[in-house]
Amino acid sequence: MPNIHEAKTHLSKLVSRVEMGEEITISRAGKPVAKLVPYLGAPVRAPGILSGRIRIDDDFDAHDEEIADHFRAG
């Protein structure tokens, strides 16, 4: 487990190890404080993934003015 100074000095080597799948914990005063892990990428967003699973009523916004009145000054 490298300490912070070693991690700064050898960051390129540590990143290379992480790219190969290794997880590396960095310590300060012998206590773990950070972990370098492989980046797996952002989750894939798929349009329409909730299609058929949620429903919005046609009149979902029918009470907008009534609700807005509660927030108006006066």
N, C-alpha and C. Protein backbone atom coordinates (compact mmCIF):
# COMPACT_ATOMS: atom_id res chain seq x y z
N MET A 1 0.86 -1.17 0.00
CA MET A 1 0.00 0.00 0.00
C MET A 1 0.91 1.24 0.00
N PRO A 2 0.92 1.97 -1.12
CA PRO A 2 1.79 3.16 -1.18
C PRO A 2 1.21 4.30 -0.32
N ASN A 3 2.13 5.13 0.18
CA ASN A 3 1.66 6.32 0.88
C ASN A 3 1.48 7.43 -0.15
N ILE A 4 1.01 8.58 0.30
CA ILE A 4 0.71 9.67 -0.63
C ILE A 4 1.95 10.13 -1.39
N HIS A 5 3.08 10.26 -0.72
CA HIS A 5 4.30 10.69 -1.40
C HIS A 5 4.68 9.69 -2.50
N GLU A 6 4.64 8.40 -2.18
CA GLU A 6 4.97 7.38 -3.18
C GLU A 6 3.97 7.41 -4.35
N ALA A 7 2.70 7.64 -4.03
CA ALA A 7 1.68 7.69 -5.09
C ALA A 7 1.94 8.87 -6.02
N LYS A 8 2.32 10.02 -5.46
CA LYS A 8 2.62 11.18 -6.32
C LYS A 8 3.84 10.91 -7.18
N THR A 9 4.83 10.29 -6.59
CA THR A 9 6.08 10.02 -7.29
C THR A 9 5.89 8.99 -8.41
N HIS A 10 5.05 8.01 -8.18
CA HIS A 10 4.90 6.89 -9.12
C HIS A 10 3.50 6.79 -9.70
N LEU A 11 2.83 7.92 -9.84
CA LEU A 11 1.44 7.91 -10.31
C LEU A 11 1.28 7.18 -11.65
N SER A 12 2.15 7.44 -12.60
CA SER A 12 2.03 6.79 -13.92
C SER A 12 2.09 5.28 -13.79
N LYS A 13 2.99 4.77 -12.96
CA LYS A 13 3.11 3.32 -12.78
C LYS A 13 1.86 2.76 -12.09
N LEU A 14 1.34 3.50 -11.11
CA LEU A 14 0.14 3.05 -10.41
C LEU A 14 -1.05 3.02 -11.36
N VAL A 15 -1.18 4.05 -12.20
CA VAL A 15 -2.28 4.09 -13.16
C VAL A 15 -2.17 2.93 -14.14
N SER A 16 -0.98 2.58 -14.55
CA SER A 16 -0.79 1.44 -15.46
C SER A 16 -1.27 0.15 -14.80
N ARG A 17 -0.98 -0.01 -13.52
CA ARG A 17 -1.43 -1.20 -12.80
C ARG A 17 -2.96 -1.21 -12.70
N VAL A 18 -3.54 -0.05 -12.45
CA VAL A 18 -4.99 0.05 -12.35
C VAL A 18 -5.64 -0.27 -13.69
N GLU A 19 -5.03 0.19 -14.79
CA GLU A 19 -5.56 -0.11 -16.12
C GLU A 19 -5.61 -1.61 -16.38
N MET A 20 -4.76 -2.35 -15.71
CA MET A 20 -4.74 -3.81 -15.88
C MET A 20 -5.70 -4.50 -14.92
N GLY A 21 -6.49 -3.68 -14.16
CA GLY A 21 -7.52 -4.25 -13.30
C GLY A 21 -7.25 -4.23 -11.82
N GLU A 22 -6.06 -3.82 -11.43
CA GLU A 22 -5.71 -3.82 -10.01
C GLU A 22 -6.36 -2.62 -9.29
N GLU A 23 -6.75 -2.82 -8.06
CA GLU A 23 -7.21 -1.73 -7.20
C GLU A 23 -6.09 -1.41 -6.22
N ILE A 24 -5.77 -0.13 -6.08
CA ILE A 24 -4.64 0.28 -5.24
C ILE A 24 -5.13 1.23 -4.16
N THR A 25 -4.84 0.91 -2.91
CA THR A 25 -5.20 1.75 -1.78
C THR A 25 -4.01 2.62 -1.43
N ILE A 26 -4.27 3.90 -1.20
CA ILE A 26 -3.23 4.87 -0.84
C ILE A 26 -3.43 5.23 0.63
N SER A 27 -2.32 5.31 1.34
CA SER A 27 -2.42 5.57 2.78
C SER A 27 -1.75 6.88 3.17
N ARG A 28 -2.15 7.37 4.33
CA ARG A 28 -1.50 8.53 4.98
C ARG A 28 -1.29 8.11 6.43
N ALA A 29 -0.06 8.18 6.87
CA ALA A 29 0.31 7.78 8.23
C ALA A 29 -0.15 6.35 8.51
N GLY A 30 -0.05 5.49 7.49
CA GLY A 30 -0.38 4.08 7.66
C GLY A 30 -1.87 3.76 7.60
N LYS A 31 -2.71 4.78 7.43
CA LYS A 31 -4.15 4.54 7.37
C LYS A 31 -4.66 4.75 5.94
N PRO A 32 -5.48 3.85 5.43
CA PRO A 32 -6.01 4.00 4.07
C PRO A 32 -6.86 5.27 3.96
N VAL A 33 -6.63 6.05 2.89
CA VAL A 33 -7.38 7.29 2.69
C VAL A 33 -7.99 7.40 1.29
N ALA A 34 -7.51 6.62 0.34
CA ALA A 34 -8.02 6.72 -1.03
C ALA A 34 -7.79 5.39 -1.74
N LYS A 35 -8.56 5.20 -2.80
CA LYS A 35 -8.40 3.98 -3.59
C LYS A 35 -8.42 4.34 -5.07
N LEU A 36 -7.46 3.82 -5.81
CA LEU A 36 -7.44 3.95 -7.27
C LEU A 36 -8.07 2.68 -7.82
N VAL A 37 -9.11 2.86 -8.64
CA VAL A 37 -9.81 1.71 -9.22
C VAL A 37 -9.99 1.93 -10.71
N PRO A 38 -10.14 0.87 -11.48
CA PRO A 38 -10.36 1.03 -12.91
C PRO A 38 -11.66 1.79 -13.17
N TYR A 39 -11.64 2.66 -14.16
CA TYR A 39 -12.83 3.40 -14.58
C TYR A 39 -13.63 2.51 -15.51
N LEU A 40 -14.87 2.26 -15.16
CA LEU A 40 -15.69 1.35 -15.95
C LEU A 40 -16.55 2.06 -16.97
N GLY A 41 -16.49 3.37 -17.00
CA GLY A 41 -17.28 4.13 -17.95
C GLY A 41 -18.63 4.52 -17.38
N ALA A 42 -19.26 5.44 -18.04
CA ALA A 42 -20.58 5.90 -17.61
C ALA A 42 -21.63 4.85 -17.96
N PRO A 43 -22.66 4.75 -17.14
CA PRO A 43 -23.71 3.79 -17.48
C PRO A 43 -24.39 4.16 -18.80
N VAL A 44 -24.80 3.18 -19.52
CA VAL A 44 -25.44 3.40 -20.82
C VAL A 44 -26.88 3.83 -20.59
N ARG A 45 -27.24 4.94 -21.20
CA ARG A 45 -28.62 5.42 -21.13
C ARG A 45 -29.35 4.98 -22.37
N ALA A 46 -30.51 4.39 -22.16
CA ALA A 46 -31.30 3.90 -23.29
C ALA A 46 -32.64 4.61 -23.30
N PRO A 47 -32.89 5.44 -24.32
CA PRO A 47 -34.19 6.11 -24.41
C PRO A 47 -35.33 5.09 -24.42
N GLY A 48 -36.36 5.39 -23.65
CA GLY A 48 -37.53 4.52 -23.62
C GLY A 48 -37.40 3.34 -22.69
N ILE A 49 -36.38 3.30 -21.87
CA ILE A 49 -36.17 2.14 -21.01
C ILE A 49 -37.32 1.94 -20.02
N LEU A 50 -38.03 3.02 -19.68
CA LEU A 50 -39.17 2.89 -18.76
C LEU A 50 -40.51 2.82 -19.49
N SER A 51 -40.47 2.72 -20.78
CA SER A 51 -41.69 2.65 -21.58
C SER A 51 -42.56 1.49 -21.09
N GLY A 52 -43.83 1.81 -20.80
CA GLY A 52 -44.75 0.79 -20.33
C GLY A 52 -44.66 0.52 -18.85
N ARG A 53 -43.69 1.13 -18.16
CA ARG A 53 -43.52 0.89 -16.72
C ARG A 53 -44.02 2.05 -15.87
N ILE A 54 -44.17 3.23 -16.49
CA ILE A 54 -44.72 4.37 -15.76
C ILE A 54 -45.86 4.96 -16.57
N ARG A 55 -46.73 5.69 -15.87
CA ARG A 55 -47.88 6.29 -16.54
C ARG A 55 -48.04 7.70 -16.02
N ILE A 56 -48.28 8.64 -16.90
CA ILE A 56 -48.54 10.03 -16.54
C ILE A 56 -49.94 10.37 -17.04
N ASP A 57 -50.82 10.75 -16.10
CA ASP A 57 -52.19 11.10 -16.47
C ASP A 57 -52.20 12.31 -17.40
N ASP A 58 -53.20 12.36 -18.28
CA ASP A 58 -53.33 13.48 -19.21
C ASP A 58 -53.50 14.80 -18.48
N ASP A 59 -54.10 14.78 -17.29
CA ASP A 59 -54.35 16.02 -16.55
C ASP A 59 -53.34 16.22 -15.41
N PHE A 60 -52.14 15.68 -15.56
CA PHE A 60 -51.15 15.76 -14.48
C PHE A 60 -50.86 17.19 -14.05
N ASP A 61 -51.06 18.15 -14.93
CA ASP A 61 -50.75 19.55 -14.60
C ASP A 61 -52.02 20.40 -14.41
N ALA A 62 -53.15 19.77 -14.16
CA ALA A 62 -54.42 20.48 -14.06
C ALA A 62 -54.46 21.45 -12.87
N HIS A 63 -53.71 21.21 -11.85
CA HIS A 63 -53.76 22.04 -10.64
C HIS A 63 -52.55 22.96 -10.51
N ASP A 64 -51.88 23.25 -11.59
CA ASP A 64 -50.68 24.09 -11.54
C ASP A 64 -50.96 25.46 -10.92
N GLU A 65 -52.04 26.12 -11.32
CA GLU A 65 -52.34 27.46 -10.79
C GLU A 65 -52.66 27.41 -9.31
N GLU A 66 -53.40 26.40 -8.91
CA GLU A 66 -53.75 26.25 -7.50
C GLU A 66 -52.49 26.06 -6.66
N ILE A 67 -51.58 25.26 -7.13
CA ILE A 67 -50.32 25.03 -6.41
C ILE A 67 -49.47 26.29 -6.45
N ALA A 68 -49.42 26.96 -7.58
CA ALA A 68 -48.62 28.17 -7.70
C ALA A 68 -49.09 29.27 -6.74
N ASP A 69 -50.41 29.32 -6.48
CA ASP A 69 -50.96 30.33 -5.56
C ASP A 69 -50.33 30.20 -4.16
N HIS A 70 -49.96 29.04 -3.77
CA HIS A 70 -49.36 28.83 -2.45
C HIS A 70 -47.96 29.43 -2.36
N PHE A 71 -47.34 29.65 -3.48
CA PHE A 71 -45.97 30.16 -3.50
C PHE A 71 -45.88 31.63 -3.86
N ARG A 72 -46.99 32.22 -4.23
CA ARG A 72 -46.99 33.64 -4.60
C ARG A 72 -47.01 34.51 -3.34
N ALA A 73 -46.28 35.61 -3.40
CA ALA A 73 -46.27 36.56 -2.29
C ALA A 73 -47.59 37.30 -2.26
N GLY A 74 -48.07 37.59 -1.08
CA GLY A 74 -49.28 38.40 -1.04
C GLY A 74 -50.22 38.05 0.02
